[in-house]
Amino acid sequence: MSEANATVDEELCVGTGICEATAPDLFEVGDDGVSHVLVASVPEDRLEAARRAAADCPTRALKVE
């Protein structure tokens, strides 16, 4: 199985929560109002959800590579 890395650019994130709604096991909007990665190394079976969250991010703050 291959994995990918997920990151959040905190300078771009505005905390809409779309990523958390799409993949709550991978992303969470913290008390600071920005998204945080819960699992930096995304397992293969969660890649589609991680990529969907990144694609739906209005500020393009998420990267999955």
N, C-alpha and C. Protein backbone atom coordinates (compact mmCIF):
# COMPACT_ATOMS: atom_id res chain seq x y z
N MET A 1 0.83 -1.20 0.00
CA MET A 1 0.00 0.00 0.00
C MET A 1 0.87 1.24 0.00
N SER A 2 0.45 2.22 -0.76
CA SER A 2 1.18 3.47 -0.76
C SER A 2 0.39 4.51 0.01
N GLU A 3 1.11 5.47 0.54
CA GLU A 3 0.50 6.54 1.31
C GLU A 3 0.89 7.88 0.69
N ALA A 4 0.16 8.91 1.07
CA ALA A 4 0.47 10.26 0.62
C ALA A 4 0.55 11.16 1.85
N ASN A 5 1.24 12.27 1.71
CA ASN A 5 1.34 13.23 2.80
C ASN A 5 0.30 14.33 2.61
N ALA A 6 -0.34 14.70 3.69
CA ALA A 6 -1.31 15.80 3.68
C ALA A 6 -0.74 16.96 4.48
N THR A 7 -0.91 18.16 3.95
CA THR A 7 -0.46 19.36 4.65
C THR A 7 -1.51 20.46 4.51
N VAL A 8 -1.48 21.39 5.46
CA VAL A 8 -2.35 22.56 5.42
C VAL A 8 -1.47 23.80 5.47
N ASP A 9 -1.68 24.70 4.53
CA ASP A 9 -0.99 26.00 4.57
C ASP A 9 -1.83 26.91 5.46
N GLU A 10 -1.38 27.09 6.70
CA GLU A 10 -2.15 27.85 7.68
C GLU A 10 -2.32 29.32 7.29
N GLU A 11 -1.46 29.81 6.41
CA GLU A 11 -1.58 31.20 5.95
C GLU A 11 -2.76 31.35 4.99
N LEU A 12 -3.08 30.27 4.26
CA LEU A 12 -4.19 30.31 3.29
C LEU A 12 -5.52 29.88 3.90
N CYS A 13 -5.47 29.03 4.91
CA CYS A 13 -6.69 28.45 5.48
C CYS A 13 -7.52 29.52 6.18
N VAL A 14 -8.83 29.50 5.90
CA VAL A 14 -9.76 30.42 6.57
C VAL A 14 -10.77 29.65 7.42
N GLY A 15 -10.57 28.36 7.59
CA GLY A 15 -11.38 27.57 8.50
C GLY A 15 -12.81 27.34 8.10
N THR A 16 -13.08 27.14 6.81
CA THR A 16 -14.45 26.91 6.37
C THR A 16 -15.00 25.59 6.89
N GLY A 17 -14.13 24.63 7.15
CA GLY A 17 -14.56 23.33 7.66
C GLY A 17 -14.96 22.33 6.60
N ILE A 18 -14.80 22.68 5.34
CA ILE A 18 -15.16 21.76 4.26
C ILE A 18 -14.30 20.50 4.36
N CYS A 19 -13.04 20.65 4.66
CA CYS A 19 -12.16 19.48 4.76
C CYS A 19 -12.59 18.57 5.91
N GLU A 20 -12.95 19.17 7.01
CA GLU A 20 -13.39 18.39 8.16
C GLU A 20 -14.71 17.66 7.87
N ALA A 21 -15.60 18.32 7.15
CA ALA A 21 -16.87 17.69 6.79
C ALA A 21 -16.66 16.55 5.80
N THR A 22 -15.67 16.71 4.91
CA THR A 22 -15.39 15.70 3.89
C THR A 22 -14.61 14.52 4.45
N ALA A 23 -13.64 14.80 5.29
CA ALA A 23 -12.78 13.74 5.84
C ALA A 23 -12.46 14.04 7.31
N PRO A 24 -13.44 13.84 8.20
CA PRO A 24 -13.24 14.19 9.61
C PRO A 24 -12.18 13.36 10.32
N ASP A 25 -11.82 12.23 9.75
CA ASP A 25 -10.75 11.43 10.34
C ASP A 25 -9.36 11.92 9.92
N LEU A 26 -9.32 12.85 8.97
CA LEU A 26 -8.04 13.35 8.46
C LEU A 26 -7.78 14.81 8.80
N PHE A 27 -8.85 15.62 8.87
CA PHE A 27 -8.70 17.07 9.09
C PHE A 27 -9.64 17.54 10.19
N GLU A 28 -9.20 18.59 10.90
CA GLU A 28 -10.01 19.17 11.95
C GLU A 28 -9.72 20.66 12.04
N VAL A 29 -10.77 21.46 12.12
CA VAL A 29 -10.60 22.89 12.34
C VAL A 29 -10.41 23.09 13.84
N GLY A 30 -9.29 23.65 14.20
CA GLY A 30 -8.96 23.82 15.61
C GLY A 30 -9.57 25.07 16.21
N ASP A 31 -9.34 25.25 17.49
CA ASP A 31 -9.81 26.43 18.21
C ASP A 31 -9.19 27.71 17.67
N ASP A 32 -8.09 27.56 16.94
CA ASP A 32 -7.42 28.72 16.34
C ASP A 32 -8.06 29.14 15.02
N GLY A 33 -9.10 28.39 14.58
CA GLY A 33 -9.83 28.76 13.37
C GLY A 33 -9.23 28.28 12.07
N VAL A 34 -8.21 27.47 12.13
CA VAL A 34 -7.62 26.91 10.90
C VAL A 34 -7.61 25.39 10.99
N SER A 35 -7.55 24.78 9.82
CA SER A 35 -7.56 23.33 9.72
C SER A 35 -6.20 22.75 10.11
N HIS A 36 -6.27 21.57 10.71
CA HIS A 36 -5.06 20.85 11.07
C HIS A 36 -5.18 19.42 10.56
N VAL A 37 -4.06 18.86 10.14
CA VAL A 37 -4.02 17.49 9.67
C VAL A 37 -3.96 16.57 10.88
N LEU A 38 -4.87 15.61 10.94
CA LEU A 38 -4.87 14.65 12.04
C LEU A 38 -3.98 13.45 11.74
N VAL A 39 -3.84 13.12 10.45
CA VAL A 39 -3.02 11.98 10.01
C VAL A 39 -2.18 12.46 8.83
N ALA A 40 -0.94 12.84 9.11
CA ALA A 40 -0.10 13.42 8.06
C ALA A 40 0.17 12.44 6.92
N SER A 41 0.32 11.17 7.26
CA SER A 41 0.57 10.16 6.25
C SER A 41 -0.77 9.45 5.98
N VAL A 42 -1.41 9.84 4.89
CA VAL A 42 -2.76 9.36 4.57
C VAL A 42 -2.69 7.96 3.97
N PRO A 43 -3.38 7.00 4.59
CA PRO A 43 -3.39 5.64 4.04
C PRO A 43 -4.09 5.60 2.68
N GLU A 44 -3.72 4.62 1.90
CA GLU A 44 -4.26 4.49 0.54
C GLU A 44 -5.78 4.46 0.51
N ASP A 45 -6.40 3.81 1.47
CA ASP A 45 -7.86 3.70 1.47
C ASP A 45 -8.56 5.00 1.83
N ARG A 46 -7.82 6.04 2.24
CA ARG A 46 -8.40 7.35 2.55
C ARG A 46 -7.93 8.43 1.57
N LEU A 47 -7.14 8.03 0.57
CA LEU A 47 -6.62 9.00 -0.40
C LEU A 47 -7.72 9.73 -1.16
N GLU A 48 -8.74 9.03 -1.59
CA GLU A 48 -9.81 9.67 -2.34
C GLU A 48 -10.48 10.76 -1.51
N ALA A 49 -10.76 10.49 -0.25
CA ALA A 49 -11.39 11.48 0.62
C ALA A 49 -10.45 12.67 0.85
N ALA A 50 -9.17 12.40 1.04
CA ALA A 50 -8.20 13.48 1.24
C ALA A 50 -8.09 14.36 0.00
N ARG A 51 -8.05 13.73 -1.15
CA ARG A 51 -7.95 14.50 -2.39
C ARG A 51 -9.23 15.29 -2.66
N ARG A 52 -10.37 14.72 -2.32
CA ARG A 52 -11.65 15.44 -2.48
C ARG A 52 -11.67 16.67 -1.56
N ALA A 53 -11.22 16.49 -0.33
CA ALA A 53 -11.15 17.62 0.61
C ALA A 53 -10.25 18.72 0.08
N ALA A 54 -9.10 18.34 -0.47
CA ALA A 54 -8.17 19.33 -1.03
C ALA A 54 -8.77 20.03 -2.23
N ALA A 55 -9.45 19.28 -3.08
CA ALA A 55 -10.06 19.87 -4.29
C ALA A 55 -11.20 20.81 -3.93
N ASP A 56 -11.92 20.52 -2.85
CA ASP A 56 -13.06 21.34 -2.44
C ASP A 56 -12.67 22.54 -1.60
N CYS A 57 -11.42 22.62 -1.18
CA CYS A 57 -10.96 23.73 -0.34
C CYS A 57 -11.00 25.03 -1.15
N PRO A 58 -11.79 26.01 -0.71
CA PRO A 58 -11.93 27.25 -1.50
C PRO A 58 -10.66 28.09 -1.58
N THR A 59 -9.75 27.93 -0.63
CA THR A 59 -8.51 28.72 -0.65
C THR A 59 -7.30 27.91 -1.10
N ARG A 60 -7.53 26.64 -1.44
CA ARG A 60 -6.46 25.73 -1.88
C ARG A 60 -5.36 25.60 -0.83
N ALA A 61 -5.77 25.61 0.45
CA ALA A 61 -4.81 25.50 1.55
C ALA A 61 -4.33 24.08 1.77
N LEU A 62 -5.06 23.10 1.25
CA LEU A 62 -4.70 21.70 1.47
C LEU A 62 -3.89 21.15 0.31
N LYS A 63 -2.92 20.33 0.66
CA LYS A 63 -2.12 19.62 -0.36
C LYS A 63 -2.06 18.16 0.05
N VAL A 64 -2.24 17.29 -0.93
CA VAL A 64 -2.09 15.85 -0.72
C VAL A 64 -1.15 15.35 -1.80
N GLU A 65 0.04 14.94 -1.38
CA GLU A 65 1.09 14.54 -2.34
C GLU A 65 1.68 13.20 -1.95
